């Protein structure tokens, strides 16, 4: 089977000679996405668009990206429509990963989060259409499903904008879709690095013994986005089937000799996360490895999702506490030990875990 036939068979996007831009490209997802794309595919150019010049310098000095002629670094903010339009010139594919994500910070600085997560999403959509970008896929979060905090609410609004982007394209050919998944293991600001740092103190803070979360590794998240770029037809929200874990179990794996201190659920937190709500389920199709939430309104093509997938039953809910897949303690240990941070490497040595 030649490369063209293989792409058609698997639904893989043709990356050869494409110009790809990643907003928020210096973040955890962006760096892993760039690394995988450069090692596996043949894009003509990857543009890293972000607002922090220090992170761009650090990324340029990273051994994975040194002397890589296909990378371009573009300083800018998704709030700045003119700068975004300049960056999108000649771009084929956009992966929108830029966002303000910290829940407490969002509650204290709501206007700032709306400017980035909502108005920034609108800028990405309008510039993509005007510049004739072929595909745009936006990263979302489980907190956007039935949100109870401002961060989740802004991401739900962003999701709605990207789904509705299909109605804005007119005669143009830009296609929009969204990927929604749960917590990323070891990402910047996540709980695992915090637990690894605090385990030497002998006490690990746990919000609630019952709390559960969806978990996905950084590489799995990137792989899923790459796969969805090949399969997207316009207006979908893709939700991967991923395992759950109890936060107390995670704490016990990282600090087996530590005492767990219950600190209570923080403002804006849920006991369990949801990625497909009961109301979403009416328009959701299930596949062995994912759910596809189709647009509520017939703005664009729904392709053959209904023909090849199974409609979810009325009242279905995909939540972290009712999941049929759970991460074992051994899987947790290996997941933590495999993180590319010094604390995880020390943990691996102590636990006798080899790569």
C-alpha atoms as a PDB file:
ATOM      1  CA  UNK A   1       0.000   0.000   0.000  1.00  0.00           C
ATOM      2  CA  UNK A   2       1.500   3.356  -1.045  1.00  0.00           C
ATOM      3  CA  UNK A   3       1.445   6.466   1.168  1.00  0.00           C
ATOM      4  CA  UNK A   4      -1.568   8.021  -0.607  1.00  0.00           C
ATOM      5  CA  UNK A   5      -3.615   4.813  -0.272  1.00  0.00           C
ATOM      6  CA  UNK A   6      -2.597   4.421   3.382  1.00  0.00           C
ATOM      7  CA  UNK A   7      -3.720   7.968   4.197  1.00  0.00           C
ATOM      8  CA  UNK A   8      -7.056   7.381   2.513  1.00  0.00           C
ATOM      9  CA  UNK A   9      -7.541   4.069   4.316  1.00  0.00           C
ATOM     10  CA  UNK A  10      -6.687   5.424   7.788  1.00  0.00           C
ATOM     11  CA  UNK A  11      -8.109   8.919   7.386  1.00  0.00           C
ATOM     12  CA  UNK A  12      -4.656  10.438   7.916  1.00  0.00           C
ATOM     13  CA  UNK A  13      -4.046  13.988   6.783  1.00  0.00           C
ATOM     14  CA  UNK A  14      -1.478  14.604   4.061  1.00  0.00           C
ATOM     15  CA  UNK A  15       1.221  16.630   5.849  1.00  0.00           C
ATOM     16  CA  UNK A  16       3.706  16.827   2.987  1.00  0.00           C
ATOM     17  CA  UNK A  17       4.705  20.430   2.207  1.00  0.00           C
ATOM     18  CA  UNK A  18       1.996  21.832   4.507  1.00  0.00           C
ATOM     19  CA  UNK A  19       2.509  24.999   6.543  1.00  0.00           C
ATOM     20  CA  UNK A  20       1.230  24.364  10.074  1.00  0.00           C
ATOM     21  CA  UNK A  21       0.746  26.988  12.793  1.00  0.00           C
ATOM     22  CA  UNK A  22       0.291  26.234  16.505  1.00  0.00           C
ATOM     23  CA  UNK A  23      -1.087  28.970  18.742  1.00  0.00           C
ATOM     24  CA  UNK A  24       0.289  28.652  22.250  1.00  0.00           C
ATOM     25  CA  UNK A  25       3.044  26.651  20.614  1.00  0.00           C
ATOM     26  CA  UNK A  26       5.545  26.986  23.471  1.00  0.00           C
ATOM     27  CA  UNK A  27       3.240  25.208  25.932  1.00  0.00           C
ATOM     28  CA  UNK A  28       3.412  21.532  26.883  1.00  0.00           C
ATOM     29  CA  UNK A  29       1.110  20.430  24.067  1.00  0.00           C
ATOM     30  CA  UNK A  30       2.694  22.699  21.472  1.00  0.00           C
ATOM     31  CA  UNK A  31       6.232  21.439  22.050  1.00  0.00           C
ATOM     32  CA  UNK A  32       5.212  17.782  21.910  1.00  0.00           C
ATOM     33  CA  UNK A  33       3.065  18.425  18.814  1.00  0.00           C
ATOM     34  CA  UNK A  34       5.962  20.106  17.008  1.00  0.00           C
ATOM     35  CA  UNK A  35       8.362  17.328  18.030  1.00  0.00           C
ATOM     36  CA  UNK A  36       6.094  14.554  16.732  1.00  0.00           C
ATOM     37  CA  UNK A  37       5.185  16.336  13.500  1.00  0.00           C
ATOM     38  CA  UNK A  38       8.793  17.054  12.589  1.00  0.00           C
ATOM     39  CA  UNK A  39       9.943  13.518  13.363  1.00  0.00           C
ATOM     40  CA  UNK A  40       7.107  11.693  11.622  1.00  0.00           C
ATOM     41  CA  UNK A  41       5.828  13.910   8.813  1.00  0.00           C
ATOM     42  CA  UNK A  42       7.203  16.241   6.178  1.00  0.00           C
ATOM     43  CA  UNK A  43       5.614  19.653   6.728  1.00  0.00           C
ATOM     44  CA  UNK A  44       7.230  22.477   4.829  1.00  0.00           C
ATOM     45  CA  UNK A  45       7.115  24.703   7.885  1.00  0.00           C
ATOM     46  CA  UNK A  46       5.755  24.788  11.440  1.00  0.00           C
ATOM     47  CA  UNK A  47       5.055  28.211  12.931  1.00  0.00           C
ATOM     48  CA  UNK A  48       5.157  28.479  16.717  1.00  0.00           C
ATOM     49  CA  UNK A  49       2.900  31.387  17.654  1.00  0.00           C
ATOM     50  CA  UNK A  50       3.010  32.548  21.271  1.00  0.00           C
ATOM     51  CA  UNK A  51       3.310  35.690  23.365  1.00  0.00           C
ATOM     52  CA  UNK A  52       6.202  34.768  25.705  1.00  0.00           C
ATOM     53  CA  UNK A  53       9.594  35.528  24.143  1.00  0.00           C
ATOM     54  CA  UNK A  54      11.497  33.750  26.944  1.00  0.00           C
ATOM     55  CA  UNK A  55       9.667  30.478  26.283  1.00  0.00           C
ATOM     56  CA  UNK A  56      10.393  30.876  22.591  1.00  0.00           C
ATOM     57  CA  UNK A  57      14.109  31.308  23.314  1.00  0.00           C
ATOM     58  CA  UNK A  58      14.056  28.263  25.604  1.00  0.00           C
ATOM     59  CA  UNK A  59      12.302  26.215  22.931  1.00  0.00           C
ATOM     60  CA  UNK A  60      14.833  27.265  20.310  1.00  0.00           C
ATOM     61  CA  UNK A  61      17.607  26.077  22.636  1.00  0.00           C
ATOM     62  CA  UNK A  62      15.888  22.746  23.332  1.00  0.00           C
ATOM     63  CA  UNK A  63      17.948  19.872  21.921  1.00  0.00           C
ATOM     64  CA  UNK A  64      14.864  18.563  20.091  1.00  0.00           C
ATOM     65  CA  UNK A  65      14.527  21.732  18.029  1.00  0.00           C
ATOM     66  CA  UNK A  66      18.081  23.035  17.648  1.00  0.00           C
ATOM     67  CA  UNK A  67      19.141  23.516  14.040  1.00  0.00           C
ATOM     68  CA  UNK A  68      15.650  22.617  12.800  1.00  0.00           C
ATOM     69  CA  UNK A  69      15.171  24.790   9.728  1.00  0.00           C
ATOM     70  CA  UNK A  70      11.455  24.050   9.375  1.00  0.00           C
ATOM     71  CA  UNK A  71      10.467  25.884  12.584  1.00  0.00           C
ATOM     72  CA  UNK A  72       9.563  29.580  12.643  1.00  0.00           C
ATOM     73  CA  UNK A  73       8.883  31.484  15.861  1.00  0.00           C
ATOM     74  CA  UNK A  74       6.259  34.200  15.727  1.00  0.00           C
ATOM     75  CA  UNK A  75       5.690  36.502  18.708  1.00  0.00           C
ATOM     76  CA  UNK A  76       2.079  37.526  19.096  1.00  0.00           C
ATOM     77  CA  UNK A  77      -1.145  37.230  21.048  1.00  0.00           C
ATOM     78  CA  UNK A  78      -4.429  35.746  19.812  1.00  0.00           C
ATOM     79  CA  UNK A  79      -6.082  38.903  21.149  1.00  0.00           C
ATOM     80  CA  UNK A  80      -4.270  40.892  18.431  1.00  0.00           C
ATOM     81  CA  UNK A  81      -6.224  40.248  15.226  1.00  0.00           C
ATOM     82  CA  UNK A  82      -3.817  42.102  12.937  1.00  0.00           C
ATOM     83  CA  UNK A  83      -0.793  40.182  14.192  1.00  0.00           C
ATOM     84  CA  UNK A  84      -2.719  36.928  13.937  1.00  0.00           C
ATOM     85  CA  UNK A  85      -3.694  37.704  10.344  1.00  0.00           C
ATOM     86  CA  UNK A  86      -0.055  38.320   9.464  1.00  0.00           C
ATOM     87  CA  UNK A  87       0.970  35.007  11.054  1.00  0.00           C
ATOM     88  CA  UNK A  88      -1.790  33.091   9.189  1.00  0.00           C
ATOM     89  CA  UNK A  89      -0.643  34.267   5.765  1.00  0.00           C
ATOM     90  CA  UNK A  90       0.111  31.166   3.670  1.00  0.00           C
ATOM     91  CA  UNK A  91      -0.819  28.731   6.467  1.00  0.00           C
ATOM     92  CA  UNK A  92      -2.629  25.480   5.613  1.00  0.00           C
ATOM     93  CA  UNK A  93      -3.419  24.085   9.071  1.00  0.00           C
ATOM     94  CA  UNK A  94      -3.941  25.774  12.448  1.00  0.00           C
ATOM     95  CA  UNK A  95      -3.909  23.986  15.804  1.00  0.00           C
ATOM     96  CA  UNK A  96      -5.341  26.378  18.378  1.00  0.00           C
ATOM     97  CA  UNK A  97      -3.846  25.549  21.785  1.00  0.00           C
ATOM     98  CA  UNK A  98      -3.504  29.064  23.252  1.00  0.00           C
ATOM     99  CA  UNK A  99      -5.636  29.716  26.333  1.00  0.00           C
ATOM    100  CA  UNK A 100      -5.622  31.014  29.888  1.00  0.00           C
ATOM    101  CA  UNK A 101      -6.289  27.848  31.915  1.00  0.00           C
ATOM    102  CA  UNK A 102      -5.825  28.348  35.648  1.00  0.00           C
ATOM    103  CA  UNK A 103      -9.228  28.142  37.341  1.00  0.00           C
ATOM    104  CA  UNK A 104      -8.559  30.460  40.348  1.00  0.00           C
ATOM    105  CA  UNK A 105      -6.795  33.031  38.154  1.00  0.00           C
ATOM    106  CA  UNK A 106      -9.754  32.999  35.773  1.00  0.00           C
ATOM    107  CA  UNK A 107     -12.194  33.715  38.602  1.00  0.00           C
ATOM    108  CA  UNK A 108     -10.091  36.661  39.803  1.00  0.00           C
ATOM    109  CA  UNK A 109      -9.340  38.028  36.316  1.00  0.00           C
ATOM    110  CA  UNK A 110     -12.481  37.208  34.332  1.00  0.00           C
ATOM    111  CA  UNK A 111     -12.199  39.968  31.718  1.00  0.00           C
ATOM    112  CA  UNK A 112      -8.660  38.899  30.824  1.00  0.00           C
ATOM    113  CA  UNK A 113      -9.682  35.263  30.375  1.00  0.00           C
ATOM    114  CA  UNK A 114     -12.631  36.238  28.176  1.00  0.00           C
ATOM    115  CA  UNK A 115     -10.333  38.355  25.985  1.00  0.00           C
ATOM    116  CA  UNK A 116      -8.012  35.399  25.370  1.00  0.00           C
ATOM    117  CA  UNK A 117     -10.310  32.377  25.416  1.00  0.00           C
ATOM    118  CA  UNK A 118     -13.393  33.857  23.740  1.00  0.00           C
ATOM    119  CA  UNK A 119     -12.378  36.926  21.744  1.00  0.00           C
ATOM    120  CA  UNK A 120      -9.087  35.232  20.858  1.00  0.00           C
ATOM    121  CA  UNK A 121     -11.061  32.256  19.498  1.00  0.00           C
ATOM    122  CA  UNK A 122     -13.130  34.629  17.365  1.00  0.00           C
ATOM    123  CA  UNK A 123      -9.943  36.191  16.003  1.00  0.00           C
ATOM    124  CA  UNK A 124      -8.545  32.765  15.103  1.00  0.00           C
ATOM    125  CA  UNK A 125     -11.756  31.840  13.274  1.00  0.00           C
ATOM    126  CA  UNK A 126     -12.054  35.080  11.317  1.00  0.00           C
ATOM    127  CA  UNK A 127      -8.380  35.213  10.352  1.00  0.00           C
ATOM    128  CA  UNK A 128      -8.435  31.554   9.289  1.00  0.00           C
ATOM    129  CA  UNK A 129     -11.361  32.215   6.952  1.00  0.00           C
ATOM    130  CA  UNK A 130      -9.914  35.449   5.561  1.00  0.00           C
ATOM    131  CA  UNK A 131      -6.513  33.838   4.962  1.00  0.00           C
ATOM    132  CA  UNK A 132      -8.046  30.673   3.450  1.00  0.00           C
ATOM    133  CA  UNK A 133      -6.583  28.277   5.998  1.00  0.00           C
ATOM    134  CA  UNK A 134      -7.723  24.755   5.097  1.00  0.00           C
ATOM    135  CA  UNK A 135      -8.173  23.202   8.553  1.00  0.00           C
ATOM    136  CA  UNK A 136      -8.464  24.567  12.090  1.00  0.00           C
ATOM    137  CA  UNK A 137      -8.713  22.332  15.129  1.00  0.00           C
ATOM    138  CA  UNK A 138      -9.122  23.818  18.607  1.00  0.00           C
ATOM    139  CA  UNK A 139      -8.152  22.215  21.909  1.00  0.00           C
ATOM    140  CA  UNK A 140     -10.827  22.174  24.581  1.00  0.00           C
ATOM    141  CA  UNK A 141     -11.194  20.672  28.060  1.00  0.00           C
ATOM    142  CA  UNK A 142     -13.534  18.475  30.058  1.00  0.00           C
ATOM    143  CA  UNK A 143     -14.294  21.586  32.121  1.00  0.00           C
ATOM    144  CA  UNK A 144     -16.223  22.961  29.129  1.00  0.00           C
ATOM    145  CA  UNK A 145     -18.929  20.295  29.557  1.00  0.00           C
ATOM    146  CA  UNK A 146     -21.527  21.619  32.008  1.00  0.00           C
ATOM    147  CA  UNK A 147     -19.102  24.268  33.319  1.00  0.00           C
ATOM    148  CA  UNK A 148     -19.240  25.565  36.880  1.00  0.00           C
ATOM    149  CA  UNK A 149     -16.227  27.902  36.676  1.00  0.00           C
ATOM    150  CA  UNK A 150     -15.340  30.782  34.378  1.00  0.00           C
ATOM    151  CA  UNK A 151     -12.501  28.939  32.668  1.00  0.00           C
ATOM    152  CA  UNK A 152     -14.872  26.120  31.680  1.00  0.00           C
ATOM    153  CA  UNK A 153     -17.515  28.626  30.604  1.00  0.00           C
ATOM    154  CA  UNK A 154     -15.081  30.474  28.329  1.00  0.00           C
ATOM    155  CA  UNK A 155     -13.927  27.200  26.768  1.00  0.00           C
ATOM    156  CA  UNK A 156     -17.544  26.141  26.193  1.00  0.00           C
ATOM    157  CA  UNK A 157     -18.102  29.471  24.466  1.00  0.00           C
ATOM    158  CA  UNK A 158     -14.937  28.916  22.428  1.00  0.00           C
ATOM    159  CA  UNK A 159     -16.136  25.424  21.446  1.00  0.00           C
ATOM    160  CA  UNK A 160     -19.455  26.872  20.280  1.00  0.00           C
ATOM    161  CA  UNK A 161     -17.647  29.486  18.205  1.00  0.00           C
ATOM    162  CA  UNK A 162     -15.468  26.924  16.440  1.00  0.00           C
ATOM    163  CA  UNK A 163     -18.442  24.643  15.759  1.00  0.00           C
ATOM    164  CA  UNK A 164     -20.391  27.628  14.404  1.00  0.00           C
ATOM    165  CA  UNK A 165     -17.369  28.668  12.341  1.00  0.00           C
ATOM    166  CA  UNK A 166     -18.674  26.266   9.721  1.00  0.00           C
ATOM    167  CA  UNK A 167     -21.569  28.683   9.132  1.00  0.00           C
ATOM    168  CA  UNK A 168     -19.183  31.614   8.587  1.00  0.00           C
ATOM    169  CA  UNK A 169     -16.994  30.171   5.847  1.00  0.00           C
ATOM    170  CA  UNK A 170     -19.379  31.037   3.003  1.00  0.00           C
ATOM    171  CA  UNK A 171     -17.653  30.288  -0.278  1.00  0.00           C
ATOM    172  CA  UNK A 172     -14.358  29.540   1.452  1.00  0.00           C
ATOM    173  CA  UNK A 173     -13.152  26.036   2.280  1.00  0.00           C
ATOM    174  CA  UNK A 174     -11.961  26.397   5.883  1.00  0.00           C
ATOM    175  CA  UNK A 175     -13.027  23.487   8.081  1.00  0.00           C
ATOM    176  CA  UNK A 176     -13.290  23.789  11.880  1.00  0.00           C
ATOM    177  CA  UNK A 177     -13.418  21.139  14.614  1.00  0.00           C
ATOM    178  CA  UNK A 178     -12.738  20.788  18.346  1.00  0.00           C
ATOM    179  CA  UNK A 179     -10.927  18.178  20.443  1.00  0.00           C
ATOM    180  CA  UNK A 180     -12.059  17.837  24.062  1.00  0.00           C
ATOM    181  CA  UNK A 181     -10.089  15.739  26.553  1.00  0.00           C
ATOM    182  CA  UNK A 182      -9.246  15.530  30.248  1.00  0.00           C
ATOM    183  CA  UNK A 183      -6.239  16.294  32.422  1.00  0.00           C
ATOM    184  CA  UNK A 184      -2.858  15.877  30.756  1.00  0.00           C
ATOM    185  CA  UNK A 185      -0.375  13.876  32.820  1.00  0.00           C
ATOM    186  CA  UNK A 186       2.505  16.054  33.932  1.00  0.00           C
ATOM    187  CA  UNK A 187       1.500  19.156  31.999  1.00  0.00           C
ATOM    188  CA  UNK A 188       2.567  22.555  33.261  1.00  0.00           C
ATOM    189  CA  UNK A 189       0.566  23.412  36.384  1.00  0.00           C
ATOM    190  CA  UNK A 190      -0.845  19.895  36.854  1.00  0.00           C
ATOM    191  CA  UNK A 191      -1.028  18.025  40.155  1.00  0.00           C
ATOM    192  CA  UNK A 192       1.645  15.374  39.482  1.00  0.00           C
ATOM    193  CA  UNK A 193       4.640  17.753  39.586  1.00  0.00           C
ATOM    194  CA  UNK A 194       3.116  19.247  42.743  1.00  0.00           C
ATOM    195  CA  UNK A 195       2.815  15.821  44.417  1.00  0.00           C
ATOM    196  CA  UNK A 196       6.361  14.906  43.374  1.00  0.00           C
ATOM    197  CA  UNK A 197       7.710  18.086  44.978  1.00  0.00           C
ATOM    198  CA  UNK A 198       5.698  17.760  48.171  1.00  0.00           C
ATOM    199  CA  UNK A 199       6.143  14.040  48.823  1.00  0.00           C
ATOM    200  CA  UNK A 200       9.410  14.674  50.691  1.00  0.00           C
ATOM    201  CA  UNK A 201       7.400  16.625  53.265  1.00  0.00           C
ATOM    202  CA  UNK A 202       5.508  13.459  54.189  1.00  0.00           C
ATOM    203  CA  UNK A 203       2.067  14.953  53.593  1.00  0.00           C
ATOM    204  CA  UNK A 204       0.134  15.221  50.308  1.00  0.00           C
ATOM    205  CA  UNK A 205      -2.932  17.465  50.027  1.00  0.00           C
ATOM    206  CA  UNK A 206      -5.996  15.745  48.538  1.00  0.00           C
ATOM    207  CA  UNK A 207      -9.174  17.698  47.918  1.00  0.00           C
ATOM    208  CA  UNK A 208     -11.553  14.749  48.365  1.00  0.00           C
ATOM    209  CA  UNK A 209     -10.937  10.981  48.603  1.00  0.00           C
ATOM    210  CA  UNK A 210     -13.798  10.367  46.147  1.00  0.00           C
ATOM    211  CA  UNK A 211     -12.565  12.759  43.432  1.00  0.00           C
ATOM    212  CA  UNK A 212     -11.942  11.263  39.981  1.00  0.00           C
ATOM    213  CA  UNK A 213     -10.463  12.679  36.799  1.00  0.00           C
ATOM    214  CA  UNK A 214      -9.957  11.665  33.180  1.00  0.00           C
ATOM    215  CA  UNK A 215      -6.265  11.335  32.326  1.00  0.00           C
ATOM    216  CA  UNK A 216      -4.341  11.313  29.081  1.00  0.00           C
ATOM    217  CA  UNK A 217      -0.630  11.506  28.385  1.00  0.00           C
ATOM    218  CA  UNK A 218       0.791  14.384  26.395  1.00  0.00           C
ATOM    219  CA  UNK A 219       1.768  12.070  23.549  1.00  0.00           C
ATOM    220  CA  UNK A 220      -1.686  10.473  23.463  1.00  0.00           C
ATOM    221  CA  UNK A 221      -3.276  13.930  23.290  1.00  0.00           C
ATOM    222  CA  UNK A 222      -1.078  14.937  20.368  1.00  0.00           C
ATOM    223  CA  UNK A 223      -1.718  11.638  18.581  1.00  0.00           C
ATOM    224  CA  UNK A 224      -5.465  12.126  18.973  1.00  0.00           C
ATOM    225  CA  UNK A 225      -5.340  15.658  17.558  1.00  0.00           C
ATOM    226  CA  UNK A 226      -3.271  14.460  14.597  1.00  0.00           C
ATOM    227  CA  UNK A 227      -5.771  11.674  13.953  1.00  0.00           C
ATOM    228  CA  UNK A 228      -8.746  14.064  14.185  1.00  0.00           C
ATOM    229  CA  UNK A 229      -7.107  16.438  11.695  1.00  0.00           C
ATOM    230  CA  UNK A 230      -7.375  13.631   9.159  1.00  0.00           C
ATOM    231  CA  UNK A 231     -10.950  12.664  10.026  1.00  0.00           C
ATOM    232  CA  UNK A 232     -12.606  16.053  10.644  1.00  0.00           C
ATOM    233  CA  UNK A 233     -15.352  17.105   8.248  1.00  0.00           C
ATOM    234  CA  UNK A 234     -16.573  20.258   9.953  1.00  0.00           C
ATOM    235  CA  UNK A 235     -18.283  21.207  13.215  1.00  0.00           C
ATOM    236  CA  UNK A 236     -17.438  18.107  15.271  1.00  0.00           C
ATOM    237  CA  UNK A 237     -16.293  17.918  18.874  1.00  0.00           C
ATOM    238  CA  UNK A 238     -14.060  14.842  19.201  1.00  0.00           C
ATOM    239  CA  UNK A 239     -13.841  13.172  22.628  1.00  0.00           C
ATOM    240  CA  UNK A 240     -11.327  10.330  23.124  1.00  0.00           C
ATOM    241  CA  UNK A 241     -12.149   7.328  25.279  1.00  0.00           C
ATOM    242  CA  UNK A 242      -9.531   7.605  27.995  1.00  0.00           C
ATOM    243  CA  UNK A 243      -9.132   6.081  31.474  1.00  0.00           C
ATOM    244  CA  UNK A 244     -10.041   7.595  34.814  1.00  0.00           C
ATOM    245  CA  UNK A 245      -8.088   7.685  38.044  1.00  0.00           C
ATOM    246  CA  UNK A 246      -8.921   8.547  41.617  1.00  0.00           C
ATOM    247  CA  UNK A 247      -6.852  11.457  42.830  1.00  0.00           C
ATOM    248  CA  UNK A 248      -6.301   9.738  46.179  1.00  0.00           C
ATOM    249  CA  UNK A 249      -4.894   6.692  44.359  1.00  0.00           C
ATOM    250  CA  UNK A 250      -2.510   8.963  42.462  1.00  0.00           C
ATOM    251  CA  UNK A 251      -1.317  10.500  45.735  1.00  0.00           C
ATOM    252  CA  UNK A 252      -0.734   7.037  47.261  1.00  0.00           C
ATOM    253  CA  UNK A 253       1.267   5.916  44.219  1.00  0.00           C
ATOM    254  CA  UNK A 254       3.498   9.000  44.285  1.00  0.00           C
ATOM    255  CA  UNK A 255       3.892   9.121  48.054  1.00  0.00           C
ATOM    256  CA  UNK A 256       3.271   5.601  49.401  1.00  0.00           C
ATOM    257  CA  UNK A 257       4.668   6.607  52.789  1.00  0.00           C
ATOM    258  CA  UNK A 258       2.927   9.977  52.895  1.00  0.00           C
ATOM    259  CA  UNK A 259      -0.104  10.908  54.913  1.00  0.00           C
ATOM    260  CA  UNK A 260      -2.998  12.229  52.840  1.00  0.00           C
ATOM    261  CA  UNK A 261      -4.498  15.467  54.109  1.00  0.00           C
ATOM    262  CA  UNK A 262      -8.030  16.241  52.962  1.00  0.00           C
ATOM    263  CA  UNK A 263      -8.331  19.944  52.149  1.00  0.00           C
ATOM    264  CA  UNK A 264     -11.824  19.930  50.626  1.00  0.00           C
ATOM    265  CA  UNK A 265     -12.998  20.710  47.120  1.00  0.00           C
ATOM    266  CA  UNK A 266     -11.793  24.108  45.989  1.00  0.00           C
ATOM    267  CA  UNK A 267     -14.123  26.755  44.535  1.00  0.00           C
ATOM    268  CA  UNK A 268     -14.915  25.995  40.899  1.00  0.00           C
ATOM    269  CA  UNK A 269     -13.984  22.309  41.142  1.00  0.00           C
ATOM    270  CA  UNK A 270     -16.211  19.318  40.442  1.00  0.00           C
ATOM    271  CA  UNK A 271     -16.048  16.021  42.292  1.00  0.00           C
ATOM    272  CA  UNK A 272     -16.085  14.233  38.918  1.00  0.00           C
ATOM    273  CA  UNK A 273     -15.515  15.547  35.403  1.00  0.00           C
ATOM    274  CA  UNK A 274     -17.765  15.030  32.393  1.00  0.00           C
ATOM    275  CA  UNK A 275     -16.851  15.056  28.701  1.00  0.00           C
ATOM    276  CA  UNK A 276     -20.215  14.167  27.143  1.00  0.00           C
ATOM    277  CA  UNK A 277     -23.246  15.541  28.984  1.00  0.00           C
ATOM    278  CA  UNK A 278     -26.776  14.113  28.884  1.00  0.00           C
ATOM    279  CA  UNK A 279     -27.816  16.946  26.566  1.00  0.00           C
ATOM    280  CA  UNK A 280     -24.774  16.427  24.313  1.00  0.00           C
ATOM    281  CA  UNK A 281     -25.610  12.735  24.013  1.00  0.00           C
ATOM    282  CA  UNK A 282     -28.591  13.405  21.731  1.00  0.00           C
ATOM    283  CA  UNK A 283     -26.161  14.468  19.022  1.00  0.00           C
ATOM    284  CA  UNK A 284     -23.304  12.107  19.899  1.00  0.00           C
ATOM    285  CA  UNK A 285     -22.074   9.097  17.943  1.00  0.00           C
ATOM    286  CA  UNK A 286     -19.903   6.437  19.579  1.00  0.00           C
ATOM    287  CA  UNK A 287     -16.905   4.667  18.071  1.00  0.00           C
ATOM    288  CA  UNK A 288     -14.563   2.109  19.671  1.00  0.00           C
ATOM    289  CA  UNK A 289     -11.964   4.773  20.512  1.00  0.00           C
ATOM    290  CA  UNK A 290     -13.939   8.034  20.696  1.00  0.00           C
ATOM    291  CA  UNK A 291     -17.204   9.922  20.811  1.00  0.00           C
ATOM    292  CA  UNK A 292     -18.103  12.450  18.121  1.00  0.00           C
ATOM    293  CA  UNK A 293     -20.457  15.249  19.180  1.00  0.00           C
ATOM    294  CA  UNK A 294     -22.095  16.622  16.048  1.00  0.00           C
ATOM    295  CA  UNK A 295     -23.373  20.197  15.633  1.00  0.00           C
ATOM    296  CA  UNK A 296     -26.807  20.971  17.061  1.00  0.00           C
ATOM    297  CA  UNK A 297     -27.659  22.884  13.906  1.00  0.00           C
ATOM    298  CA  UNK A 298     -27.178  21.689  10.330  1.00  0.00           C
ATOM    299  CA  UNK A 299     -24.613  24.341   9.442  1.00  0.00           C
ATOM    300  CA  UNK A 300     -22.241  22.062   7.654  1.00  0.00           C
ATOM    301  CA  UNK A 301     -21.587  18.500   6.563  1.00  0.00           C
ATOM    302  CA  UNK A 302     -22.054  15.711   9.094  1.00  0.00           C
ATOM    303  CA  UNK A 303     -20.356  13.261   6.750  1.00  0.00           C
ATOM    304  CA  UNK A 304     -20.958   9.605   7.418  1.00  0.00           C
ATOM    305  CA  UNK A 305     -20.696   9.736  11.214  1.00  0.00           C
ATOM    306  CA  UNK A 306     -24.263   8.476  11.629  1.00  0.00           C
ATOM    307  CA  UNK A 307     -23.732   5.704   9.093  1.00  0.00           C
ATOM    308  CA  UNK A 308     -20.517   4.327  10.569  1.00  0.00           C
ATOM    309  CA  UNK A 309     -20.986   5.032  14.282  1.00  0.00           C
ATOM    310  CA  UNK A 310     -23.520   4.122  16.949  1.00  0.00           C
ATOM    311  CA  UNK A 311     -25.847   6.779  18.326  1.00  0.00           C
ATOM    312  CA  UNK A 312     -25.555   7.248  22.074  1.00  0.00           C
ATOM    313  CA  UNK A 313     -28.747   6.446  23.998  1.00  0.00           C
ATOM    314  CA  UNK A 314     -30.918   9.200  25.425  1.00  0.00           C
ATOM    315  CA  UNK A 315     -29.525  10.368  28.756  1.00  0.00           C
ATOM    316  CA  UNK A 316     -26.046   8.939  28.190  1.00  0.00           C
ATOM    317  CA  UNK A 317     -23.283  10.640  30.165  1.00  0.00           C
ATOM    318  CA  UNK A 318     -19.536  10.110  29.810  1.00  0.00           C
ATOM    319  CA  UNK A 319     -18.149  10.961  33.247  1.00  0.00           C
ATOM    320  CA  UNK A 320     -14.924  10.149  35.068  1.00  0.00           C
ATOM    321  CA  UNK A 321     -16.647   8.310  37.938  1.00  0.00           C
ATOM    322  CA  UNK A 322     -18.737   6.009  35.713  1.00  0.00           C
ATOM    323  CA  UNK A 323     -15.926   5.139  33.306  1.00  0.00           C
ATOM    324  CA  UNK A 324     -15.320   1.526  32.282  1.00  0.00           C
ATOM    325  CA  UNK A 325     -11.557   2.114  32.047  1.00  0.00           C
ATOM    326  CA  UNK A 326      -9.376   2.798  35.096  1.00  0.00           C
ATOM    327  CA  UNK A 327      -5.624   3.242  35.390  1.00  0.00           C
ATOM    328  CA  UNK A 328      -3.941   0.620  37.554  1.00  0.00           C
ATOM    329  CA  UNK A 329      -1.383   1.474  40.228  1.00  0.00           C
ATOM    330  CA  UNK A 330       1.410   0.011  38.092  1.00  0.00           C
ATOM    331  CA  UNK A 331       0.327   2.070  35.082  1.00  0.00           C
ATOM    332  CA  UNK A 332       0.297   5.163  37.298  1.00  0.00           C
ATOM    333  CA  UNK A 333       3.831   4.487  38.529  1.00  0.00           C
ATOM    334  CA  UNK A 334       5.183   4.089  35.012  1.00  0.00           C
ATOM    335  CA  UNK A 335       3.273   7.130  33.820  1.00  0.00           C
ATOM    336  CA  UNK A 336       4.736   9.292  36.580  1.00  0.00           C
ATOM    337  CA  UNK A 337       8.241   7.838  36.146  1.00  0.00           C
ATOM    338  CA  UNK A 338       8.153   8.555  32.426  1.00  0.00           C
ATOM    339  CA  UNK A 339       7.688  12.307  32.769  1.00  0.00           C
ATOM    340  CA  UNK A 340      10.553  14.456  31.509  1.00  0.00           C
ATOM    341  CA  UNK A 341      11.140  16.379  34.737  1.00  0.00           C
ATOM    342  CA  UNK A 342      13.916  15.908  37.359  1.00  0.00           C
ATOM    343  CA  UNK A 343      11.478  14.983  40.164  1.00  0.00           C
ATOM    344  CA  UNK A 344      10.017  12.174  38.034  1.00  0.00           C
ATOM    345  CA  UNK A 345      13.461  10.839  37.209  1.00  0.00           C
ATOM    346  CA  UNK A 346      14.313  10.759  40.918  1.00  0.00           C
ATOM    347  CA  UNK A 347      10.997   8.997  41.592  1.00  0.00           C
ATOM    348  CA  UNK A 348      11.802   6.383  38.898  1.00  0.00           C
ATOM    349  CA  UNK A 349      15.165   5.655  40.513  1.00  0.00           C
ATOM    350  CA  UNK A 350      13.620   5.253  43.962  1.00  0.00           C
ATOM    351  CA  UNK A 351      10.902   2.948  42.631  1.00  0.00           C
ATOM    352  CA  UNK A 352      13.355   0.960  40.510  1.00  0.00           C
ATOM    353  CA  UNK A 353      11.471   1.732  37.309  1.00  0.00           C
ATOM    354  CA  UNK A 354      13.520   1.626  34.141  1.00  0.00           C
ATOM    355  CA  UNK A 355      12.549   3.053  30.762  1.00  0.00           C
END
